[in-house]
């Protein structure tokens, strides 16, 4: 009986140790989370940030951004400078007009989003800079290798596909874009991709059957 009692107390002791360890880890996790949120929400309007210059300008080697700039994307990028001479072989108006919705057609039926509103958006438009404020202050090496960008799609709306391609080309340093490879995962209309190949640096590949995202 004494050995059974000691074994029982040993089990209780182990349970108490585990419970205490779990409690300590839980408290540490909660405190760590609160500390991170407090640091993230702490204003950075220091004396150096009040020196000449607006929010978001560099001061003393770092990017000073105020509280309101970090919660609301106030920065709006300008319209990109598009070299239209490079797009002479591509007729954007014809590309989009052939797939416009007909009057009374459900704009959500094909793509599960409002295609009517999407078609109204210009492919060259000002957009908000919604990056996290820490990303805006990151520095990168100026000498980076050129990159090939692969975009896989299936029956994508032409307006969204075109905006994706042109946003990459217009808002990225030209020397960093080697090519954009569009992989058409056997869309109903092959010309959704093939016509975009007239744009410089665009390559179109089409699957002979549906392969899915990973295989594509």
C-alpha atoms as a PDB file:
ATOM      1  CA  UNK A   1       0.000   0.000   0.000  1.00  0.00           C
ATOM      2  CA  UNK A   2       2.828   2.424   0.767  1.00  0.00           C
ATOM      3  CA  UNK A   3       4.391   1.878  -2.653  1.00  0.00           C
ATOM      4  CA  UNK A   4       1.028   2.494  -4.317  1.00  0.00           C
ATOM      5  CA  UNK A   5       0.637   5.741  -2.388  1.00  0.00           C
ATOM      6  CA  UNK A   6       4.105   6.940  -3.334  1.00  0.00           C
ATOM      7  CA  UNK A   7       3.420   6.114  -6.970  1.00  0.00           C
ATOM      8  CA  UNK A   8       0.176   8.101  -6.828  1.00  0.00           C
ATOM      9  CA  UNK A   9       1.899  11.133  -5.288  1.00  0.00           C
ATOM     10  CA  UNK A  10       4.617  10.864  -7.948  1.00  0.00           C
ATOM     11  CA  UNK A  11       2.011  11.054 -10.707  1.00  0.00           C
ATOM     12  CA  UNK A  12       0.413  14.062  -9.034  1.00  0.00           C
ATOM     13  CA  UNK A  13       3.799  15.714  -8.776  1.00  0.00           C
ATOM     14  CA  UNK A  14       4.489  15.240 -12.488  1.00  0.00           C
ATOM     15  CA  UNK A  15       1.068  16.636 -13.355  1.00  0.00           C
ATOM     16  CA  UNK A  16       1.716  19.712 -11.211  1.00  0.00           C
ATOM     17  CA  UNK A  17       5.094  20.275 -12.905  1.00  0.00           C
ATOM     18  CA  UNK A  18       3.510  20.014 -16.346  1.00  0.00           C
ATOM     19  CA  UNK A  19       0.666  22.317 -15.356  1.00  0.00           C
ATOM     20  CA  UNK A  20       3.121  24.882 -13.990  1.00  0.00           C
ATOM     21  CA  UNK A  21       5.248  24.692 -17.125  1.00  0.00           C
ATOM     22  CA  UNK A  22       2.221  25.187 -19.354  1.00  0.00           C
ATOM     23  CA  UNK A  23       1.073  28.121 -17.217  1.00  0.00           C
ATOM     24  CA  UNK A  24       4.510  29.770 -17.391  1.00  0.00           C
ATOM     25  CA  UNK A  25       4.713  29.328 -21.175  1.00  0.00           C
ATOM     26  CA  UNK A  26       1.196  30.705 -21.607  1.00  0.00           C
ATOM     27  CA  UNK A  27       1.944  33.782 -19.518  1.00  0.00           C
ATOM     28  CA  UNK A  28       5.221  34.329 -21.387  1.00  0.00           C
ATOM     29  CA  UNK A  29       3.457  34.046 -24.743  1.00  0.00           C
ATOM     30  CA  UNK A  30       0.750  36.533 -23.697  1.00  0.00           C
ATOM     31  CA  UNK A  31       3.305  39.015 -22.366  1.00  0.00           C
ATOM     32  CA  UNK A  32       5.417  38.649 -25.515  1.00  0.00           C
ATOM     33  CA  UNK A  33       2.386  39.305 -27.713  1.00  0.00           C
ATOM     34  CA  UNK A  34       1.414  42.411 -25.759  1.00  0.00           C
ATOM     35  CA  UNK A  35       5.002  43.679 -25.907  1.00  0.00           C
ATOM     36  CA  UNK A  36       5.157  43.215 -29.682  1.00  0.00           C
ATOM     37  CA  UNK A  37       1.825  45.002 -30.168  1.00  0.00           C
ATOM     38  CA  UNK A  38       2.955  47.824 -27.875  1.00  0.00           C
ATOM     39  CA  UNK A  39       6.181  48.269 -29.832  1.00  0.00           C
ATOM     40  CA  UNK A  40       4.313  48.170 -33.130  1.00  0.00           C
ATOM     41  CA  UNK A  41       1.791  50.802 -32.012  1.00  0.00           C
ATOM     42  CA  UNK A  42       4.266  53.091 -30.257  1.00  0.00           C
ATOM     43  CA  UNK A  43       4.483  56.463 -32.072  1.00  0.00           C
ATOM     44  CA  UNK A  44       7.811  57.291 -33.723  1.00  0.00           C
ATOM     45  CA  UNK A  45       7.366  61.048 -33.951  1.00  0.00           C
ATOM     46  CA  UNK A  46      10.719  61.938 -32.478  1.00  0.00           C
ATOM     47  CA  UNK A  47      12.593  65.215 -32.678  1.00  0.00           C
ATOM     48  CA  UNK A  48      14.451  64.002 -35.743  1.00  0.00           C
ATOM     49  CA  UNK A  49      11.180  63.244 -37.516  1.00  0.00           C
ATOM     50  CA  UNK A  50      10.014  66.809 -36.917  1.00  0.00           C
ATOM     51  CA  UNK A  51      12.983  68.175 -38.799  1.00  0.00           C
ATOM     52  CA  UNK A  52      12.386  69.524 -42.338  1.00  0.00           C
ATOM     53  CA  UNK A  53      10.590  66.973 -44.442  1.00  0.00           C
ATOM     54  CA  UNK A  54       7.290  65.156 -44.397  1.00  0.00           C
ATOM     55  CA  UNK A  55       6.333  61.819 -42.903  1.00  0.00           C
ATOM     56  CA  UNK A  56       8.032  58.982 -44.714  1.00  0.00           C
ATOM     57  CA  UNK A  57      11.210  60.898 -45.571  1.00  0.00           C
ATOM     58  CA  UNK A  58      14.540  59.600 -44.392  1.00  0.00           C
ATOM     59  CA  UNK A  59      16.012  61.217 -41.323  1.00  0.00           C
ATOM     60  CA  UNK A  60      19.270  60.178 -39.659  1.00  0.00           C
ATOM     61  CA  UNK A  61      19.478  57.071 -41.834  1.00  0.00           C
ATOM     62  CA  UNK A  62      16.028  55.658 -41.013  1.00  0.00           C
ATOM     63  CA  UNK A  63      12.532  56.122 -42.296  1.00  0.00           C
ATOM     64  CA  UNK A  64      10.407  58.097 -39.855  1.00  0.00           C
ATOM     65  CA  UNK A  65       6.727  57.300 -40.196  1.00  0.00           C
ATOM     66  CA  UNK A  66       4.031  58.506 -37.836  1.00  0.00           C
ATOM     67  CA  UNK A  67       1.313  56.424 -36.252  1.00  0.00           C
ATOM     68  CA  UNK A  68      -1.401  57.412 -38.725  1.00  0.00           C
ATOM     69  CA  UNK A  69       0.802  56.482 -41.686  1.00  0.00           C
ATOM     70  CA  UNK A  70       1.197  52.944 -40.376  1.00  0.00           C
ATOM     71  CA  UNK A  71      -2.494  52.211 -39.971  1.00  0.00           C
ATOM     72  CA  UNK A  72      -3.928  53.841 -43.105  1.00  0.00           C
ATOM     73  CA  UNK A  73      -2.290  53.514 -46.524  1.00  0.00           C
ATOM     74  CA  UNK A  74      -2.075  57.229 -47.292  1.00  0.00           C
ATOM     75  CA  UNK A  75       0.733  57.051 -49.841  1.00  0.00           C
ATOM     76  CA  UNK A  76      -0.582  56.976 -53.394  1.00  0.00           C
ATOM     77  CA  UNK A  77       1.834  56.094 -56.135  1.00  0.00           C
ATOM     78  CA  UNK A  78       1.714  58.187 -59.283  1.00  0.00           C
ATOM     79  CA  UNK A  79       0.656  56.959 -62.677  1.00  0.00           C
ATOM     80  CA  UNK A  80       3.582  54.965 -64.088  1.00  0.00           C
ATOM     81  CA  UNK A  81       5.493  56.433 -66.985  1.00  0.00           C
ATOM     82  CA  UNK A  82       4.584  54.051 -69.785  1.00  0.00           C
ATOM     83  CA  UNK A  83       6.657  53.927 -72.946  1.00  0.00           C
ATOM     84  CA  UNK A  84       3.813  53.397 -75.404  1.00  0.00           C
ATOM     85  CA  UNK A  85       6.230  52.975 -78.297  1.00  0.00           C
ATOM     86  CA  UNK A  86       7.096  49.538 -76.904  1.00  0.00           C
ATOM     87  CA  UNK A  87       3.430  48.483 -76.990  1.00  0.00           C
ATOM     88  CA  UNK A  88       2.722  49.251 -80.650  1.00  0.00           C
ATOM     89  CA  UNK A  89       2.148  45.598 -81.449  1.00  0.00           C
ATOM     90  CA  UNK A  90      -0.427  45.216 -78.684  1.00  0.00           C
ATOM     91  CA  UNK A  91      -3.935  46.689 -79.033  1.00  0.00           C
ATOM     92  CA  UNK A  92      -5.166  46.992 -75.455  1.00  0.00           C
ATOM     93  CA  UNK A  93      -8.593  48.336 -76.391  1.00  0.00           C
ATOM     94  CA  UNK A  94      -9.293  45.452 -78.766  1.00  0.00           C
ATOM     95  CA  UNK A  95      -7.952  42.935 -76.262  1.00  0.00           C
ATOM     96  CA  UNK A  96     -10.375  44.078 -73.568  1.00  0.00           C
ATOM     97  CA  UNK A  97     -13.428  44.939 -75.693  1.00  0.00           C
ATOM     98  CA  UNK A  98     -13.794  41.426 -77.066  1.00  0.00           C
ATOM     99  CA  UNK A  99     -14.532  40.075 -73.584  1.00  0.00           C
ATOM    100  CA  UNK A 100     -16.683  42.877 -72.130  1.00  0.00           C
ATOM    101  CA  UNK A 101     -19.888  41.887 -70.385  1.00  0.00           C
ATOM    102  CA  UNK A 102     -23.138  42.143 -72.290  1.00  0.00           C
ATOM    103  CA  UNK A 103     -25.981  44.293 -70.889  1.00  0.00           C
ATOM    104  CA  UNK A 104     -27.831  42.424 -68.141  1.00  0.00           C
ATOM    105  CA  UNK A 105     -25.121  39.763 -67.761  1.00  0.00           C
ATOM    106  CA  UNK A 106     -24.257  38.798 -64.185  1.00  0.00           C
ATOM    107  CA  UNK A 107     -20.840  40.370 -63.430  1.00  0.00           C
ATOM    108  CA  UNK A 108     -20.112  37.771 -60.717  1.00  0.00           C
ATOM    109  CA  UNK A 109     -20.956  34.636 -62.692  1.00  0.00           C
ATOM    110  CA  UNK A 110     -17.641  33.869 -64.398  1.00  0.00           C
ATOM    111  CA  UNK A 111     -14.998  34.986 -61.924  1.00  0.00           C
ATOM    112  CA  UNK A 112     -16.763  35.341 -58.542  1.00  0.00           C
ATOM    113  CA  UNK A 113     -15.935  39.063 -58.423  1.00  0.00           C
ATOM    114  CA  UNK A 114     -17.452  42.136 -60.023  1.00  0.00           C
ATOM    115  CA  UNK A 115     -16.020  41.958 -63.529  1.00  0.00           C
ATOM    116  CA  UNK A 116     -18.001  45.030 -64.576  1.00  0.00           C
ATOM    117  CA  UNK A 117     -16.119  47.216 -62.098  1.00  0.00           C
ATOM    118  CA  UNK A 118     -12.841  45.477 -62.887  1.00  0.00           C
ATOM    119  CA  UNK A 119     -13.213  46.281 -66.576  1.00  0.00           C
ATOM    120  CA  UNK A 120     -13.656  49.968 -65.729  1.00  0.00           C
ATOM    121  CA  UNK A 121     -10.255  50.199 -64.022  1.00  0.00           C
ATOM    122  CA  UNK A 122      -7.389  51.479 -66.111  1.00  0.00           C
ATOM    123  CA  UNK A 123      -4.354  49.253 -66.510  1.00  0.00           C
ATOM    124  CA  UNK A 124      -2.171  52.324 -65.833  1.00  0.00           C
ATOM    125  CA  UNK A 125      -3.572  53.868 -62.678  1.00  0.00           C
ATOM    126  CA  UNK A 126      -2.411  55.357 -59.375  1.00  0.00           C
ATOM    127  CA  UNK A 127      -2.632  52.850 -56.525  1.00  0.00           C
ATOM    128  CA  UNK A 128      -2.172  53.056 -52.776  1.00  0.00           C
ATOM    129  CA  UNK A 129       1.050  51.888 -51.229  1.00  0.00           C
ATOM    130  CA  UNK A 130      -0.250  49.326 -48.739  1.00  0.00           C
ATOM    131  CA  UNK A 131       3.109  47.940 -47.650  1.00  0.00           C
ATOM    132  CA  UNK A 132       3.866  47.606 -43.963  1.00  0.00           C
ATOM    133  CA  UNK A 133       5.855  50.598 -42.762  1.00  0.00           C
ATOM    134  CA  UNK A 134       8.856  48.386 -41.980  1.00  0.00           C
ATOM    135  CA  UNK A 135       8.949  47.176 -45.571  1.00  0.00           C
ATOM    136  CA  UNK A 136       9.090  50.771 -46.796  1.00  0.00           C
ATOM    137  CA  UNK A 137      12.295  51.358 -44.833  1.00  0.00           C
ATOM    138  CA  UNK A 138      14.101  48.244 -46.074  1.00  0.00           C
ATOM    139  CA  UNK A 139      17.255  48.685 -48.172  1.00  0.00           C
ATOM    140  CA  UNK A 140      18.249  46.394 -51.027  1.00  0.00           C
ATOM    141  CA  UNK A 141      21.407  45.933 -53.038  1.00  0.00           C
ATOM    142  CA  UNK A 142      21.305  47.981 -56.237  1.00  0.00           C
ATOM    143  CA  UNK A 143      23.102  45.225 -58.167  1.00  0.00           C
ATOM    144  CA  UNK A 144      20.534  42.431 -58.215  1.00  0.00           C
ATOM    145  CA  UNK A 145      20.165  39.712 -60.873  1.00  0.00           C
ATOM    146  CA  UNK A 146      17.305  39.880 -63.354  1.00  0.00           C
ATOM    147  CA  UNK A 147      14.313  37.730 -62.485  1.00  0.00           C
ATOM    148  CA  UNK A 148      11.825  35.625 -64.431  1.00  0.00           C
ATOM    149  CA  UNK A 149       8.299  35.954 -63.055  1.00  0.00           C
ATOM    150  CA  UNK A 150       5.868  33.080 -63.539  1.00  0.00           C
ATOM    151  CA  UNK A 151       2.116  33.742 -63.439  1.00  0.00           C
ATOM    152  CA  UNK A 152      -0.240  30.788 -63.718  1.00  0.00           C
ATOM    153  CA  UNK A 153      -3.912  31.319 -64.543  1.00  0.00           C
ATOM    154  CA  UNK A 154      -7.040  29.607 -65.826  1.00  0.00           C
ATOM    155  CA  UNK A 155      -9.934  31.505 -67.410  1.00  0.00           C
ATOM    156  CA  UNK A 156      -8.865  34.762 -65.768  1.00  0.00           C
ATOM    157  CA  UNK A 157     -10.677  37.977 -66.638  1.00  0.00           C
ATOM    158  CA  UNK A 158      -8.683  39.818 -69.276  1.00  0.00           C
ATOM    159  CA  UNK A 159      -8.802  43.108 -67.396  1.00  0.00           C
ATOM    160  CA  UNK A 160      -7.260  41.629 -64.226  1.00  0.00           C
ATOM    161  CA  UNK A 161      -4.689  39.616 -66.173  1.00  0.00           C
ATOM    162  CA  UNK A 162      -3.585  42.685 -68.116  1.00  0.00           C
ATOM    163  CA  UNK A 163      -3.362  44.831 -64.966  1.00  0.00           C
ATOM    164  CA  UNK A 164      -1.222  42.193 -63.299  1.00  0.00           C
ATOM    165  CA  UNK A 165       1.236  42.088 -66.171  1.00  0.00           C
ATOM    166  CA  UNK A 166       1.453  45.843 -66.660  1.00  0.00           C
ATOM    167  CA  UNK A 167       1.786  46.507 -62.926  1.00  0.00           C
ATOM    168  CA  UNK A 168       4.853  44.276 -62.838  1.00  0.00           C
ATOM    169  CA  UNK A 169       6.392  45.919 -65.890  1.00  0.00           C
ATOM    170  CA  UNK A 170       5.540  49.518 -65.019  1.00  0.00           C
ATOM    171  CA  UNK A 171       6.361  49.459 -61.312  1.00  0.00           C
ATOM    172  CA  UNK A 172       9.528  47.366 -61.320  1.00  0.00           C
ATOM    173  CA  UNK A 173      13.018  48.447 -62.358  1.00  0.00           C
ATOM    174  CA  UNK A 174      13.373  47.355 -65.980  1.00  0.00           C
ATOM    175  CA  UNK A 175      16.797  45.819 -65.377  1.00  0.00           C
ATOM    176  CA  UNK A 176      15.348  43.460 -62.748  1.00  0.00           C
ATOM    177  CA  UNK A 177      12.694  41.934 -65.024  1.00  0.00           C
ATOM    178  CA  UNK A 178      14.131  39.301 -67.333  1.00  0.00           C
ATOM    179  CA  UNK A 179      10.742  38.067 -68.509  1.00  0.00           C
ATOM    180  CA  UNK A 180       7.195  37.353 -67.406  1.00  0.00           C
ATOM    181  CA  UNK A 181       6.102  33.811 -68.184  1.00  0.00           C
ATOM    182  CA  UNK A 182       2.337  33.400 -68.398  1.00  0.00           C
ATOM    183  CA  UNK A 183       1.284  29.783 -67.968  1.00  0.00           C
ATOM    184  CA  UNK A 184      -2.215  29.268 -69.355  1.00  0.00           C
ATOM    185  CA  UNK A 185      -3.645  26.240 -67.587  1.00  0.00           C
ATOM    186  CA  UNK A 186      -5.826  25.227 -70.552  1.00  0.00           C
ATOM    187  CA  UNK A 187      -8.174  28.223 -70.503  1.00  0.00           C
ATOM    188  CA  UNK A 188     -11.236  28.202 -72.736  1.00  0.00           C
ATOM    189  CA  UNK A 189      -9.825  30.953 -74.964  1.00  0.00           C
ATOM    190  CA  UNK A 190      -6.118  30.547 -75.844  1.00  0.00           C
ATOM    191  CA  UNK A 191      -5.948  34.178 -77.003  1.00  0.00           C
ATOM    192  CA  UNK A 192      -6.308  35.396 -73.405  1.00  0.00           C
ATOM    193  CA  UNK A 193      -2.622  34.590 -73.124  1.00  0.00           C
ATOM    194  CA  UNK A 194      -1.392  34.563 -76.711  1.00  0.00           C
ATOM    195  CA  UNK A 195      -2.326  38.188 -77.410  1.00  0.00           C
ATOM    196  CA  UNK A 196      -0.407  39.354 -74.342  1.00  0.00           C
ATOM    197  CA  UNK A 197       2.755  37.823 -75.809  1.00  0.00           C
ATOM    198  CA  UNK A 198       2.906  40.868 -78.094  1.00  0.00           C
ATOM    199  CA  UNK A 199       3.998  42.918 -75.078  1.00  0.00           C
ATOM    200  CA  UNK A 200       7.801  42.977 -74.668  1.00  0.00           C
ATOM    201  CA  UNK A 201       9.213  40.519 -72.109  1.00  0.00           C
ATOM    202  CA  UNK A 202       5.977  38.488 -72.070  1.00  0.00           C
ATOM    203  CA  UNK A 203       6.160  34.772 -72.891  1.00  0.00           C
ATOM    204  CA  UNK A 204       3.026  32.648 -73.137  1.00  0.00           C
ATOM    205  CA  UNK A 205       2.981  28.910 -72.409  1.00  0.00           C
ATOM    206  CA  UNK A 206      -0.222  26.874 -72.672  1.00  0.00           C
ATOM    207  CA  UNK A 207      -0.932  23.477 -71.146  1.00  0.00           C
ATOM    208  CA  UNK A 208      -2.522  20.876 -73.404  1.00  0.00           C
ATOM    209  CA  UNK A 209      -4.840  19.929 -70.524  1.00  0.00           C
ATOM    210  CA  UNK A 210      -5.720  21.134 -67.051  1.00  0.00           C
ATOM    211  CA  UNK A 211      -2.741  20.582 -64.752  1.00  0.00           C
ATOM    212  CA  UNK A 212      -3.513  22.740 -61.732  1.00  0.00           C
ATOM    213  CA  UNK A 213      -1.385  25.383 -60.032  1.00  0.00           C
ATOM    214  CA  UNK A 214       1.521  23.244 -58.786  1.00  0.00           C
ATOM    215  CA  UNK A 215       2.066  21.228 -61.978  1.00  0.00           C
ATOM    216  CA  UNK A 216       1.784  24.362 -64.090  1.00  0.00           C
END
